[in-house]
Amino acid sequence: MIDKIKNPSMGWIYWDKENGTSDFSDGELAYTSFNRALRSIKRHLSKDNSKRFHPTQKHIYLYKWLLTNYAKPGDKIIDTHLGSGSSRIACYDMGFNFVGYELDKDYFEAQDKRFNDFKMQQKLF
């Protein structure tokens, strides 16, 4: 796949998980089709107030950063690997139209509870 990418230094996003010593990876790479230089995001999952229940759970902050920097108002966002539902919460909070899929019933139910709990939180502003 990398040989099909015209300019392999463009379009990459790197999330530094700031794990320190952990059983999980130090970071993740994601490729976008955008012609932009590499961007790095640092945010440890523990800085998210959500309880972790998915092995690759990302926090809402990561998705909000991605939406702020790569999506346009009115975009429809699709997540084919919904997992913990962080992308769903970020889209809801930022007003994006969202569709998500998750094959694992237990993960789907856990993220659905997390999403509904988030929606029920009272907002001051």
PDB file of N, CA and C in Angstrom:
ATOM      1  N   MET A   1       0.809  -1.187   0.000  1.00  0.00           N
ATOM      2  CA  MET A   1       0.000   0.000   0.000  1.00  0.00           C
ATOM      3  C   MET A   1       0.860   1.261   0.000  1.00  0.00           C
ATOM      4  N   ILE A   2       1.973   1.246   0.745  1.00  0.00           N
ATOM      5  CA  ILE A   2       2.788   2.441   0.856  1.00  0.00           C
ATOM      6  C   ILE A   2       3.321   2.890  -0.502  1.00  0.00           C
ATOM      7  N   ASP A   3       3.558   1.941  -1.423  1.00  0.00           N
ATOM      8  CA  ASP A   3       4.054   2.323  -2.745  1.00  0.00           C
ATOM      9  C   ASP A   3       2.975   3.008  -3.578  1.00  0.00           C
ATOM     10  N   LYS A   4       1.718   2.877  -3.203  1.00  0.00           N
ATOM     11  CA  LYS A   4       0.629   3.537  -3.927  1.00  0.00           C
ATOM     12  C   LYS A   4       0.412   4.967  -3.444  1.00  0.00           C
ATOM     13  N   ILE A   5       1.003   5.320  -2.319  1.00  0.00           N
ATOM     14  CA  ILE A   5       0.865   6.664  -1.783  1.00  0.00           C
ATOM     15  C   ILE A   5       1.857   7.562  -2.510  1.00  0.00           C
ATOM     16  N   LYS A   6       1.339   8.622  -3.125  1.00  0.00           N
ATOM     17  CA  LYS A   6       2.182   9.490  -3.935  1.00  0.00           C
ATOM     18  C   LYS A   6       3.281  10.172  -3.120  1.00  0.00           C
ATOM     19  N   ASN A   7       2.946  10.671  -1.962  1.00  0.00           N
ATOM     20  CA  ASN A   7       3.913  11.374  -1.150  1.00  0.00           C
ATOM     21  C   ASN A   7       3.810  10.837   0.272  1.00  0.00           C
ATOM     22  N   PRO A   8       4.567   9.792   0.617  1.00  0.00           N
ATOM     23  CA  PRO A   8       4.371   9.100   1.888  1.00  0.00           C
ATOM     24  C   PRO A   8       4.629   9.950   3.133  1.00  0.00           C
ATOM     25  N   SER A   9       5.254  11.124   3.003  1.00  0.00           N
ATOM     26  CA  SER A   9       5.480  11.949   4.185  1.00  0.00           C
ATOM     27  C   SER A   9       4.277  12.833   4.503  1.00  0.00           C
ATOM     28  N   MET A  10       3.288  12.870   3.633  1.00  0.00           N
ATOM     29  CA  MET A  10       2.124  13.710   3.840  1.00  0.00           C
ATOM     30  C   MET A  10       0.931  12.865   4.290  1.00  0.00           C
ATOM     31  N   GLY A  11       0.046  13.468   5.058  1.00  0.00           N
ATOM     32  CA  GLY A  11      -1.213  12.836   5.419  1.00  0.00           C
ATOM     33  C   GLY A  11      -1.204  12.001   6.677  1.00  0.00           C
ATOM     34  N   TRP A  12      -0.079  11.828   7.323  1.00  0.00           N
ATOM     35  CA  TRP A  12      -0.008  10.967   8.496  1.00  0.00           C
ATOM     36  C   TRP A  12      -0.345  11.727   9.774  1.00  0.00           C
ATOM     37  N   ILE A  13      -0.977  11.030  10.695  1.00  0.00           N
ATOM     38  CA  ILE A  13      -1.246  11.534  12.037  1.00  0.00           C
ATOM     39  C   ILE A  13      -0.655  10.517  13.004  1.00  0.00           C
ATOM     40  N   TYR A  14       0.084  11.002  13.998  1.00  0.00           N
ATOM     41  CA  TYR A  14       0.658  10.131  15.009  1.00  0.00           C
ATOM     42  C   TYR A  14       0.106  10.527  16.377  1.00  0.00           C
ATOM     43  N   TRP A  15      -0.470   9.554  17.072  1.00  0.00           N
ATOM     44  CA  TRP A  15      -0.963   9.771  18.417  1.00  0.00           C
ATOM     45  C   TRP A  15       0.020   9.162  19.399  1.00  0.00           C
ATOM     46  N   ASP A  16       0.707  10.001  20.169  1.00  0.00           N
ATOM     47  CA  ASP A  16       1.608   9.554  21.226  1.00  0.00           C
ATOM     48  C   ASP A  16       0.759   9.324  22.466  1.00  0.00           C
ATOM     49  N   LYS A  17       0.604   8.074  22.847  1.00  0.00           N
ATOM     50  CA  LYS A  17      -0.284   7.723  23.951  1.00  0.00           C
ATOM     51  C   LYS A  17       0.281   8.078  25.321  1.00  0.00           C
ATOM     52  N   GLU A  18       1.560   8.463  25.375  1.00  0.00           N
ATOM     53  CA  GLU A  18       2.212   8.801  26.634  1.00  0.00           C
ATOM     54  C   GLU A  18       2.006   7.698  27.665  1.00  0.00           C
ATOM     55  N   ASN A  19       2.156   6.444  27.231  1.00  0.00           N
ATOM     56  CA  ASN A  19       1.930   5.309  28.103  1.00  0.00           C
ATOM     57  C   ASN A  19       3.041   5.073  29.106  1.00  0.00           C
ATOM     58  N   GLY A  20       4.238   5.510  28.790  1.00  0.00           N
ATOM     59  CA  GLY A  20       5.363   5.175  29.663  1.00  0.00           C
ATOM     60  C   GLY A  20       5.615   3.678  29.574  1.00  0.00           C
ATOM     61  N   THR A  21       5.595   3.016  30.683  1.00  0.00           N
ATOM     62  CA  THR A  21       5.730   1.561  30.671  1.00  0.00           C
ATOM     63  C   THR A  21       4.339   0.965  30.768  1.00  0.00           C
ATOM     64  N   SER A  22       4.003   0.183  29.772  1.00  0.00           N
ATOM     65  CA  SER A  22       2.652  -0.353  29.684  1.00  0.00           C
ATOM     66  C   SER A  22       2.643  -1.578  28.782  1.00  0.00           C
ATOM     67  N   ASP A  23       1.573  -2.329  28.865  1.00  0.00           N
ATOM     68  CA  ASP A  23       1.392  -3.457  27.956  1.00  0.00           C
ATOM     69  C   ASP A  23       0.880  -3.000  26.599  1.00  0.00           C
ATOM     70  N   PHE A  24       0.545  -1.722  26.477  1.00  0.00           N
ATOM     71  CA  PHE A  24      -0.003  -1.189  25.239  1.00  0.00           C
ATOM     72  C   PHE A  24       1.090  -0.472  24.448  1.00  0.00           C
ATOM     73  N   SER A  25       0.843  -0.254  23.172  1.00  0.00           N
ATOM     74  CA  SER A  25       1.832   0.411  22.323  1.00  0.00           C
ATOM     75  C   SER A  25       2.027   1.869  22.752  1.00  0.00           C
ATOM     76  N   ASP A  26       3.183   2.418  22.379  1.00  0.00           N
ATOM     77  CA  ASP A  26       3.502   3.806  22.721  1.00  0.00           C
ATOM     78  C   ASP A  26       2.704   4.808  21.904  1.00  0.00           C
ATOM     79  N   GLY A  27       2.232   4.366  20.739  1.00  0.00           N
ATOM     80  CA  GLY A  27       1.492   5.285  19.885  1.00  0.00           C
ATOM     81  C   GLY A  27       0.832   4.569  18.729  1.00  0.00           C
ATOM     82  N   GLU A  28       0.107   5.334  17.939  1.00  0.00           N
ATOM     83  CA  GLU A  28      -0.563   4.790  16.752  1.00  0.00           C
ATOM     84  C   GLU A  28      -0.410   5.755  15.592  1.00  0.00           C
ATOM     85  N   LEU A  29      -0.309   5.197  14.397  1.00  0.00           N
ATOM     86  CA  LEU A  29      -0.270   5.983  13.167  1.00  0.00           C
ATOM     87  C   LEU A  29      -1.579   5.817  12.423  1.00  0.00           C
ATOM     88  N   ALA A  30      -2.044   6.892  11.841  1.00  0.00           N
ATOM     89  CA  ALA A  30      -3.231   6.831  10.980  1.00  0.00           C
ATOM     90  C   ALA A  30      -2.915   7.604   9.715  1.00  0.00           C
ATOM     91  N   TYR A  31      -3.318   7.078   8.579  1.00  0.00           N
ATOM     92  CA  TYR A  31      -3.099   7.765   7.313  1.00  0.00           C
ATOM     93  C   TYR A  31      -4.386   8.453   6.879  1.00  0.00           C
ATOM     94  N   THR A  32      -4.252   9.660   6.389  1.00  0.00           N
ATOM     95  CA  THR A  32      -5.384  10.387   5.826  1.00  0.00           C
ATOM     96  C   THR A  32      -5.087  10.665   4.356  1.00  0.00           C
ATOM     97  N   SER A  33      -6.099  11.044   3.638  1.00  0.00           N
ATOM     98  CA  SER A  33      -5.910  11.400   2.232  1.00  0.00           C
ATOM     99  C   SER A  33      -5.593  12.885   2.078  1.00  0.00           C
ATOM    100  N   PHE A  34      -5.445  13.593   3.178  1.00  0.00           N
ATOM    101  CA  PHE A  34      -5.176  15.020   3.112  1.00  0.00           C
ATOM    102  C   PHE A  34      -3.706  15.281   2.811  1.00  0.00           C
ATOM    103  N   ASN A  35      -3.440  16.290   2.023  1.00  0.00           N
ATOM    104  CA  ASN A  35      -2.087  16.652   1.640  1.00  0.00           C
ATOM    105  C   ASN A  35      -1.524  17.617   2.685  1.00  0.00           C
ATOM    106  N   ARG A  36      -1.307  17.087   3.880  1.00  0.00           N
ATOM    107  CA  ARG A  36      -0.782  17.879   4.984  1.00  0.00           C
ATOM    108  C   ARG A  36       0.386  17.125   5.614  1.00  0.00           C
ATOM    109  N   ALA A  37       1.285  17.878   6.201  1.00  0.00           N
ATOM    110  CA  ALA A  37       2.442  17.277   6.865  1.00  0.00           C
ATOM    111  C   ALA A  37       2.013  16.480   8.092  1.00  0.00           C
ATOM    112  N   LEU A  38       2.906  15.596   8.536  1.00  0.00           N
ATOM    113  CA  LEU A  38       2.665  14.782   9.721  1.00  0.00           C
ATOM    114  C   LEU A  38       2.246  15.643  10.894  1.00  0.00           C
ATOM    115  N   ARG A  39       1.227  15.194  11.604  1.00  0.00           N
ATOM    116  CA  ARG A  39       0.773  15.853  12.822  1.00  0.00           C
ATOM    117  C   ARG A  39       0.867  14.863  13.967  1.00  0.00           C
ATOM    118  N   SER A  40       1.283  15.357  15.119  1.00  0.00           N
ATOM    119  CA  SER A  40       1.427  14.516  16.301  1.00  0.00           C
ATOM    120  C   SER A  40       0.515  15.038  17.401  1.00  0.00           C
ATOM    121  N   ILE A  41      -0.148  14.126  18.068  1.00  0.00           N
ATOM    122  CA  ILE A  41      -1.056  14.451  19.157  1.00  0.00           C
ATOM    123  C   ILE A  41      -0.562  13.706  20.385  1.00  0.00           C
ATOM    124  N   LYS A  42      -0.424  14.405  21.497  1.00  0.00           N
ATOM    125  CA  LYS A  42      -0.020  13.759  22.752  1.00  0.00           C
ATOM    126  C   LYS A  42      -1.175  13.873  23.723  1.00  0.00           C
ATOM    127  N   ARG A  43      -1.586  12.750  24.229  1.00  0.00           N
ATOM    128  CA  ARG A  43      -2.647  12.758  25.239  1.00  0.00           C
ATOM    129  C   ARG A  43      -2.745  11.369  25.834  1.00  0.00           C
ATOM    130  N   HIS A  44      -2.508  11.263  27.110  1.00  0.00           N
ATOM    131  CA  HIS A  44      -2.615   9.977  27.779  1.00  0.00           C
ATOM    132  C   HIS A  44      -4.074   9.676  28.066  1.00  0.00           C
ATOM    133  N   LEU A  45      -4.452   8.433  27.893  1.00  0.00           N
ATOM    134  CA  LEU A  45      -5.836   8.020  28.106  1.00  0.00           C
ATOM    135  C   LEU A  45      -6.301   8.327  29.524  1.00  0.00           C
ATOM    136  N   SER A  46      -5.405   8.317  30.485  1.00  0.00           N
ATOM    137  CA  SER A  46      -5.812   8.581  31.862  1.00  0.00           C
ATOM    138  C   SER A  46      -6.290  10.019  32.044  1.00  0.00           C
ATOM    139  N   LYS A  47      -5.983  10.903  31.092  1.00  0.00           N
ATOM    140  CA  LYS A  47      -6.468  12.281  31.158  1.00  0.00           C
ATOM    141  C   LYS A  47      -7.927  12.378  30.732  1.00  0.00           C
ATOM    142  N   ASP A  48      -8.460  11.281  30.244  1.00  0.00           N
ATOM    143  CA  ASP A  48      -9.877  11.192  29.899  1.00  0.00           C
ATOM    144  C   ASP A  48     -10.586  10.632  31.130  1.00  0.00           C
ATOM    145  N   ASN A  49     -11.717  11.176  31.476  1.00  0.00           N
ATOM    146  CA  ASN A  49     -12.425  10.737  32.670  1.00  0.00           C
ATOM    147  C   ASN A  49     -13.213   9.452  32.461  1.00  0.00           C
ATOM    148  N   SER A  50     -13.220   8.908  31.256  1.00  0.00           N
ATOM    149  CA  SER A  50     -13.997   7.716  30.965  1.00  0.00           C
ATOM    150  C   SER A  50     -13.323   6.465  31.513  1.00  0.00           C
ATOM    151  N   LYS A  51     -14.142   5.532  31.938  1.00  0.00           N
ATOM    152  CA  LYS A  51     -13.619   4.237  32.371  1.00  0.00           C
ATOM    153  C   LYS A  51     -13.234   3.445  31.128  1.00  0.00           C
ATOM    154  N   ARG A  52     -12.067   2.866  31.149  1.00  0.00           N
ATOM    155  CA  ARG A  52     -11.574   2.102  30.000  1.00  0.00           C
ATOM    156  C   ARG A  52     -12.155   0.697  30.008  1.00  0.00           C
ATOM    157  N   PHE A  53     -12.774   0.290  28.882  1.00  0.00           N
ATOM    158  CA  PHE A  53     -13.332  -1.055  28.774  1.00  0.00           C
ATOM    159  C   PHE A  53     -12.983  -1.728  27.462  1.00  0.00           C
ATOM    160  N   HIS A  54     -12.279  -1.030  26.589  1.00  0.00           N
ATOM    161  CA  HIS A  54     -11.920  -1.565  25.275  1.00  0.00           C
ATOM    162  C   HIS A  54     -10.403  -1.553  25.151  1.00  0.00           C
ATOM    163  N   PRO A  55      -9.793  -2.616  24.601  1.00  0.00           N
ATOM    164  CA  PRO A  55      -8.318  -2.703  24.567  1.00  0.00           C
ATOM    165  C   PRO A  55      -7.636  -1.625  23.731  1.00  0.00           C
ATOM    166  N   THR A  56      -8.310  -1.057  22.750  1.00  0.00           N
ATOM    167  CA  THR A  56      -7.698   0.003  21.943  1.00  0.00           C
ATOM    168  C   THR A  56      -8.452   1.315  22.110  1.00  0.00           C
ATOM    169  N   GLN A  57      -9.048   1.508  23.261  1.00  0.00           N
ATOM    170  CA  GLN A  57      -9.867   2.695  23.510  1.00  0.00           C
ATOM    171  C   GLN A  57      -9.062   3.972  23.353  1.00  0.00           C
ATOM    172  N   LYS A  58      -9.628   4.880  22.595  1.00  0.00           N
ATOM    173  CA  LYS A  58      -9.049   6.210  22.437  1.00  0.00           C
ATOM    174  C   LYS A  58      -9.933   7.182  23.203  1.00  0.00           C
ATOM    175  N   HIS A  59      -9.413   8.329  23.506  1.00  0.00           N
ATOM    176  CA  HIS A  59     -10.233   9.257  24.268  1.00  0.00           C
ATOM    177  C   HIS A  59     -10.903  10.269  23.355  1.00  0.00           C
ATOM    178  N   ILE A  60     -11.897  10.898  23.887  1.00  0.00           N
ATOM    179  CA  ILE A  60     -12.727  11.833  23.136  1.00  0.00           C
ATOM    180  C   ILE A  60     -11.884  12.983  22.594  1.00  0.00           C
ATOM    181  N   TYR A  61     -10.900  13.426  23.375  1.00  0.00           N
ATOM    182  CA  TYR A  61     -10.042  14.529  22.967  1.00  0.00           C
ATOM    183  C   TYR A  61      -9.395  14.265  21.595  1.00  0.00           C
ATOM    184  N   LEU A  62      -8.931  13.040  21.384  1.00  0.00           N
ATOM    185  CA  LEU A  62      -8.292  12.683  20.113  1.00  0.00           C
ATOM    186  C   LEU A  62      -9.255  12.901  18.952  1.00  0.00           C
ATOM    187  N   TYR A  63     -10.473  12.413  19.088  1.00  0.00           N
ATOM    188  CA  TYR A  63     -11.446  12.569  18.007  1.00  0.00           C
ATOM    189  C   TYR A  63     -11.863  14.016  17.816  1.00  0.00           C
ATOM    190  N   LYS A  64     -11.963  14.768  18.901  1.00  0.00           N
ATOM    191  CA  LYS A  64     -12.294  16.186  18.756  1.00  0.00           C
ATOM    192  C   LYS A  64     -11.180  16.925  18.015  1.00  0.00           C
ATOM    193  N   TRP A  65      -9.934  16.561  18.310  1.00  0.00           N
ATOM    194  CA  TRP A  65      -8.805  17.172  17.607  1.00  0.00           C
ATOM    195  C   TRP A  65      -8.874  16.838  16.117  1.00  0.00           C
ATOM    196  N   LEU A  66      -9.138  15.572  15.808  1.00  0.00           N
ATOM    197  CA  LEU A  66      -9.227  15.159  14.404  1.00  0.00           C
ATOM    198  C   LEU A  66     -10.376  15.872  13.689  1.00  0.00           C
ATOM    199  N   LEU A  67     -11.525  15.958  14.324  1.00  0.00           N
ATOM    200  CA  LEU A  67     -12.674  16.629  13.710  1.00  0.00           C
ATOM    201  C   LEU A  67     -12.400  18.116  13.506  1.00  0.00           C
ATOM    202  N   THR A  68     -11.782  18.742  14.478  1.00  0.00           N
ATOM    203  CA  THR A  68     -11.459  20.164  14.375  1.00  0.00           C
ATOM    204  C   THR A  68     -10.496  20.432  13.225  1.00  0.00           C
ATOM    205  N   ASN A  69      -9.534  19.539  13.038  1.00  0.00           N
ATOM    206  CA  ASN A  69      -8.482  19.770  12.046  1.00  0.00           C
ATOM    207  C   ASN A  69      -8.758  19.177  10.670  1.00  0.00           C
ATOM    208  N   TYR A  70      -9.699  18.227  10.564  1.00  0.00           N
ATOM    209  CA  TYR A  70      -9.884  17.548   9.285  1.00  0.00           C
ATOM    210  C   TYR A  70     -11.318  17.520   8.764  1.00  0.00           C
ATOM    211  N   ALA A  71     -12.301  17.761   9.590  1.00  0.00           N
ATOM    212  CA  ALA A  71     -13.692  17.708   9.137  1.00  0.00           C
ATOM    213  C   ALA A  71     -14.234  19.118   8.934  1.00  0.00           C
ATOM    214  N   LYS A  72     -15.276  19.186   8.126  1.00  0.00           N
ATOM    215  CA  LYS A  72     -15.946  20.457   7.877  1.00  0.00           C
ATOM    216  C   LYS A  72     -17.364  20.374   8.434  1.00  0.00           C
ATOM    217  N   PRO A  73     -17.927  21.511   8.862  1.00  0.00           N
ATOM    218  CA  PRO A  73     -19.316  21.492   9.319  1.00  0.00           C
ATOM    219  C   PRO A  73     -20.218  20.869   8.254  1.00  0.00           C
ATOM    220  N   GLY A  74     -21.123  20.010   8.681  1.00  0.00           N
ATOM    221  CA  GLY A  74     -22.023  19.332   7.752  1.00  0.00           C
ATOM    222  C   GLY A  74     -21.516  17.988   7.264  1.00  0.00           C
ATOM    223  N   ASP A  75     -20.240  17.646   7.533  1.00  0.00           N
ATOM    224  CA  ASP A  75     -19.712  16.342   7.138  1.00  0.00           C
ATOM    225  C   ASP A  75     -20.436  15.232   7.893  1.00  0.00           C
ATOM    226  N   LYS A  76     -20.618  14.106   7.232  1.00  0.00           N
ATOM    227  CA  LYS A  76     -21.126  12.908   7.892  1.00  0.00           C
ATOM    228  C   LYS A  76     -19.914  12.049   8.235  1.00  0.00           C
ATOM    229  N   ILE A  77     -19.826  11.638   9.480  1.00  0.00           N
ATOM    230  CA  ILE A  77     -18.695  10.860   9.958  1.00  0.00           C
ATOM    231  C   ILE A  77     -19.136   9.410  10.131  1.00  0.00           C
ATOM    232  N   ILE A  78     -18.324   8.479   9.615  1.00  0.00           N
ATOM    233  CA  ILE A  78     -18.619   7.055   9.767  1.00  0.00           C
ATOM    234  C   ILE A  78     -17.443   6.390  10.469  1.00  0.00           C
ATOM    235  N   ASP A  79     -17.764   5.547  11.434  1.00  0.00           N
ATOM    236  CA  ASP A  79     -16.745   4.785  12.146  1.00  0.00           C
ATOM    237  C   ASP A  79     -17.137   3.318  12.043  1.00  0.00           C
ATOM    238  N   THR A  80     -16.366   2.567  11.296  1.00  0.00           N
ATOM    239  CA  THR A  80     -16.686   1.154  11.060  1.00  0.00           C
ATOM    240  C   THR A  80     -16.166   0.235  12.155  1.00  0.00           C
ATOM    241  N   HIS A  81     -15.456   0.800  13.119  1.00  0.00           N
ATOM    242  CA  HIS A  81     -14.936   0.028  14.257  1.00  0.00           C
ATOM    243  C   HIS A  81     -15.202   0.861  15.518  1.00  0.00           C
ATOM    244  N   LEU A  82     -16.440   0.938  15.929  1.00  0.00           N
ATOM    245  CA  LEU A  82     -16.901   1.863  16.959  1.00  0.00           C
ATOM    246  C   LEU A  82     -16.231   1.663  18.311  1.00  0.00           C
ATOM    247  N   GLY A  83     -15.962   0.425  18.676  1.00  0.00           N
ATOM    248  CA  GLY A  83     -15.235   0.149  19.921  1.00  0.00           C
ATOM    249  C   GLY A  83     -15.873   0.770  21.138  1.00  0.00           C
ATOM    250  N   SER A  84     -15.154   1.697  21.771  1.00  0.00           N
ATOM    251  CA  SER A  84     -15.611   2.306  23.020  1.00  0.00           C
ATOM    252  C   SER A  84     -16.562   3.480  22.798  1.00  0.00           C
ATOM    253  N   GLY A  85     -16.714   3.910  21.560  1.00  0.00           N
ATOM    254  CA  GLY A  85     -17.661   4.983  21.252  1.00  0.00           C
ATOM    255  C   GLY A  85     -17.128   6.392  21.420  1.00  0.00           C
ATOM    256  N   SER A  86     -15.820   6.556  21.585  1.00  0.00           N
ATOM    257  CA  SER A  86     -15.257   7.900  21.748  1.00  0.00           C
ATOM    258  C   SER A  86     -15.541   8.779  20.538  1.00  0.00           C
ATOM    259  N   SER A  87     -15.473   8.210  19.347  1.00  0.00           N
ATOM    260  CA  SER A  87     -15.754   8.990  18.131  1.00  0.00           C
ATOM    261  C   SER A  87     -17.208   9.438  18.112  1.00  0.00           C
ATOM    262  N   ARG A  88     -18.091   8.588  18.557  1.00  0.00           N
ATOM    263  CA  ARG A  88     -19.521   8.919  18.596  1.00  0.00           C
ATOM    264  C   ARG A  88     -19.784  10.089  19.546  1.00  0.00           C
ATOM    265  N   ILE A  89     -19.174  10.047  20.723  1.00  0.00           N
ATOM    266  CA  ILE A  89     -19.354  11.124  21.692  1.00  0.00           C
ATOM    267  C   ILE A  89     -18.797  12.432  21.155  1.00  0.00           C
ATOM    268  N   ALA A  90     -17.616  12.391  20.555  1.00  0.00           N
ATOM    269  CA  ALA A  90     -17.008  13.602  20.000  1.00  0.00           C
ATOM    270  C   ALA A  90     -17.891  14.207  18.911  1.00  0.00           C
ATOM    271  N   CYS A  91     -18.411  13.360  18.035  1.00  0.00           N
ATOM    272  CA  CYS A  91     -19.283  13.854  16.958  1.00  0.00           C
ATOM    273  C   CYS A  91     -20.568  14.454  17.519  1.00  0.00           C
ATOM    274  N   TYR A  92     -21.152  13.793  18.485  1.00  0.00           N
ATOM    275  CA  TYR A  92     -22.374  14.308  19.112  1.00  0.00           C
ATOM    276  C   TYR A  92     -22.102  15.667  19.752  1.00  0.00           C
ATOM    277  N   ASP A  93     -21.019  15.752  20.495  1.00  0.00           N
ATOM    278  CA  ASP A  93     -20.685  16.976  21.213  1.00  0.00           C
ATOM    279  C   ASP A  93     -20.373  18.131  20.267  1.00  0.00           C
ATOM    280  N   MET A  94     -19.842  17.813  19.079  1.00  0.00           N
ATOM    281  CA  MET A  94     -19.466  18.848  18.125  1.00  0.00           C
ATOM    282  C   MET A  94     -20.504  19.059  17.023  1.00  0.00           C
ATOM    283  N   GLY A  95     -21.618  18.325  17.066  1.00  0.00           N
ATOM    284  CA  GLY A  95     -22.711  18.544  16.127  1.00  0.00           C
ATOM    285  C   GLY A  95     -22.561  17.875  14.773  1.00  0.00           C
ATOM    286  N   PHE A  96     -21.743  16.838  14.674  1.00  0.00           N
ATOM    287  CA  PHE A  96     -21.583  16.121  13.410  1.00  0.00           C
ATOM    288  C   PHE A  96     -22.619  15.006  13.285  1.00  0.00           C
ATOM    289  N   ASN A  97     -23.051  14.758  12.068  1.00  0.00           N
ATOM    290  CA  ASN A  97     -23.916  13.624  11.767  1.00  0.00           C
ATOM    291  C   ASN A  97     -23.029  12.383  11.788  1.00  0.00           C
ATOM    292  N   PHE A  98     -23.427  11.348  12.514  1.00  0.00           N
ATOM    293  CA  PHE A  98     -22.541  10.221  12.785  1.00  0.00           C
ATOM    294  C   PHE A  98     -23.244   8.892  12.556  1.00  0.00           C
ATOM    295  N   VAL A  99     -22.499   7.941  11.977  1.00  0.00           N
ATOM    296  CA  VAL A  99     -22.941   6.556  11.849  1.00  0.00           C
ATOM    297  C   VAL A  99     -21.790   5.684  12.329  1.00  0.00           C
ATOM    298  N   GLY A 100     -22.085   4.730  13.211  1.00  0.00           N
ATOM    299  CA  GLY A 100     -21.048   3.854  13.724  1.00  0.00           C
ATOM    300  C   GLY A 100     -21.482   2.404  13.727  1.00  0.00           C
ATOM    301  N   TYR A 101     -20.520   1.505  13.550  1.00  0.00           N
ATOM    302  CA  TYR A 101     -20.771   0.063  13.509  1.00  0.00           C
ATOM    303  C   TYR A 101     -19.815  -0.646  14.460  1.00  0.00           C
ATOM    304  N   GLU A 102     -20.329  -1.638  15.144  1.00  0.00           N
ATOM    305  CA  GLU A 102     -19.505  -2.473  16.011  1.00  0.00           C
ATOM    306  C   GLU A 102     -20.055  -3.884  15.980  1.00  0.00           C
ATOM    307  N   LEU A 103     -19.207  -4.863  15.629  1.00  0.00           N
ATOM    308  CA  LEU A 103     -19.637  -6.255  15.530  1.00  0.00           C
ATOM    309  C   LEU A 103     -19.800  -6.930  16.887  1.00  0.00           C
ATOM    310  N   ASP A 104     -18.969  -6.550  17.848  1.00  0.00           N
ATOM    311  CA  ASP A 104     -19.000  -7.191  19.157  1.00  0.00           C
ATOM    312  C   ASP A 104     -20.162  -6.630  19.984  1.00  0.00           C
ATOM    313  N   LYS A 105     -21.099  -7.476  20.336  1.00  0.00           N
ATOM    314  CA  LYS A 105     -22.304  -7.054  21.052  1.00  0.00           C
ATOM    315  C   LYS A 105     -21.967  -6.418  22.397  1.00  0.00           C
ATOM    316  N   ASP A 106     -21.036  -7.011  23.140  1.00  0.00           N
ATOM    317  CA  ASP A 106     -20.678  -6.470  24.454  1.00  0.00           C
ATOM    318  C   ASP A 106     -20.067  -5.072  24.343  1.00  0.00           C
ATOM    319  N   TYR A 107     -19.162  -4.885  23.382  1.00  0.00           N
ATOM    320  CA  TYR A 107     -18.582  -3.551  23.186  1.00  0.00           C
ATOM    321  C   TYR A 107     -19.646  -2.571  22.734  1.00  0.00           C
ATOM    322  N   PHE A 108     -20.535  -3.011  21.841  1.00  0.00           N
ATOM    323  CA  PHE A 108     -21.592  -2.109  21.376  1.00  0.00           C
ATOM    324  C   PHE A 108     -22.456  -1.647  22.543  1.00  0.00           C
ATOM    325  N   GLU A 109     -22.859  -2.579  23.398  1.00  0.00           N
ATOM    326  CA  GLU A 109     -23.707  -2.222  24.534  1.00  0.00           C
ATOM    327  C   GLU A 109     -22.973  -1.321  25.525  1.00  0.00           C
ATOM    328  N   ALA A 110     -21.693  -1.591  25.747  1.00  0.00           N
ATOM    329  CA  ALA A 110     -20.909  -0.764  26.677  1.00  0.00           C
ATOM    330  C   ALA A 110     -20.748   0.658  26.136  1.00  0.00           C
ATOM    331  N   GLN A 111     -20.457   0.796  24.832  1.00  0.00           N
ATOM    332  CA  GLN A 111     -20.303   2.140  24.283  1.00  0.00           C
ATOM    333  C   GLN A 111     -21.641   2.859  24.235  1.00  0.00           C
ATOM    334  N   ASP A 112     -22.734   2.123  24.020  1.00  0.00           N
ATOM    335  CA  ASP A 112     -24.054   2.737  23.980  1.00  0.00           C
ATOM    336  C   ASP A 112     -24.413   3.297  25.361  1.00  0.00           C
ATOM    337  N   LYS A 113     -24.091   2.551  26.420  1.00  0.00           N
ATOM    338  CA  LYS A 113     -24.319   3.038  27.781  1.00  0.00           C
ATOM    339  C   LYS A 113     -23.455   4.268  28.036  1.00  0.00           C
ATOM    340  N   ARG A 114     -22.188   4.209  27.629  1.00  0.00           N
ATOM    341  CA  ARG A 114     -21.281   5.348  27.808  1.00  0.00           C
ATOM    342  C   ARG A 114     -21.824   6.576  27.083  1.00  0.00           C
ATOM    343  N   PHE A 115     -22.310   6.397  25.860  1.00  0.00           N
ATOM    344  CA  PHE A 115     -22.860   7.505  25.074  1.00  0.00           C
ATOM    345  C   PHE A 115     -24.098   8.095  25.753  1.00  0.00           C
ATOM    346  N   ASN A 116     -25.010   7.241  26.181  1.00  0.00           N
ATOM    347  CA  ASN A 116     -26.233   7.724  26.819  1.00  0.00           C
ATOM    348  C   ASN A 116     -25.943   8.407  28.154  1.00  0.00           C
ATOM    349  N   ASP A 117     -24.979   7.894  28.909  1.00  0.00           N
ATOM    350  CA  ASP A 117     -24.559   8.558  30.147  1.00  0.00           C
ATOM    351  C   ASP A 117     -23.997   9.943  29.838  1.00  0.00           C
ATOM    352  N   PHE A 118     -23.212  10.040  28.763  1.00  0.00           N
ATOM    353  CA  PHE A 118     -22.642  11.330  28.354  1.00  0.00           C
ATOM    354  C   PHE A 118     -23.752  12.311  28.001  1.00  0.00           C
ATOM    355  N   LYS A 119     -24.737  11.859  27.245  1.00  0.00           N
ATOM    356  CA  LYS A 119     -25.837  12.742  26.831  1.00  0.00           C
ATOM    357  C   LYS A 119     -26.642  13.244  28.028  1.00  0.00           C
ATOM    358  N   MET A 120     -26.726  12.445  29.072  1.00  0.00           N
ATOM    359  CA  MET A 120     -27.532  12.813  30.235  1.00  0.00           C
ATOM    360  C   MET A 120     -26.814  13.806  31.169  1.00  0.00           C
ATOM    361  N   GLN A 121     -25.509  13.986  30.968  1.00  0.00           N
ATOM    362  CA  GLN A 121     -24.780  14.943  31.810  1.00  0.00           C
ATOM    363  C   GLN A 121     -25.297  16.346  31.525  1.00  0.00           C
ATOM    364  N   GLN A 122     -25.548  17.074  32.560  1.00  0.00           N
ATOM    365  CA  GLN A 122     -26.044  18.439  32.414  1.00  0.00           C
ATOM    366  C   GLN A 122     -24.914  19.343  31.939  1.00  0.00           C
ATOM    367  N   LYS A 123     -25.215  20.170  30.948  1.00  0.00           N
ATOM    368  CA  LYS A 123     -24.218  21.112  30.435  1.00  0.00           C
ATOM    369  C   LYS A 123     -24.505  22.497  31.004  1.00  0.00           C
ATOM    370  N   LEU A 124     -23.459  23.173  31.427  1.00  0.00           N
ATOM    371  CA  LEU A 124     -23.625  24.523  31.974  1.00  0.00           C
ATOM    372  C   LEU A 124     -23.686  25.576  30.890  1.00  0.00           C
ATOM    373  N   PHE A 125     -23.032  25.325  29.773  1.00  0.00           N
ATOM    374  CA  PHE A 125     -22.998  26.297  28.676  1.00  0.00           C
ATOM    375  C   PHE A 125     -23.416  25.659  27.395  1.00  0.00           C
TER     376      PHE A 125
END
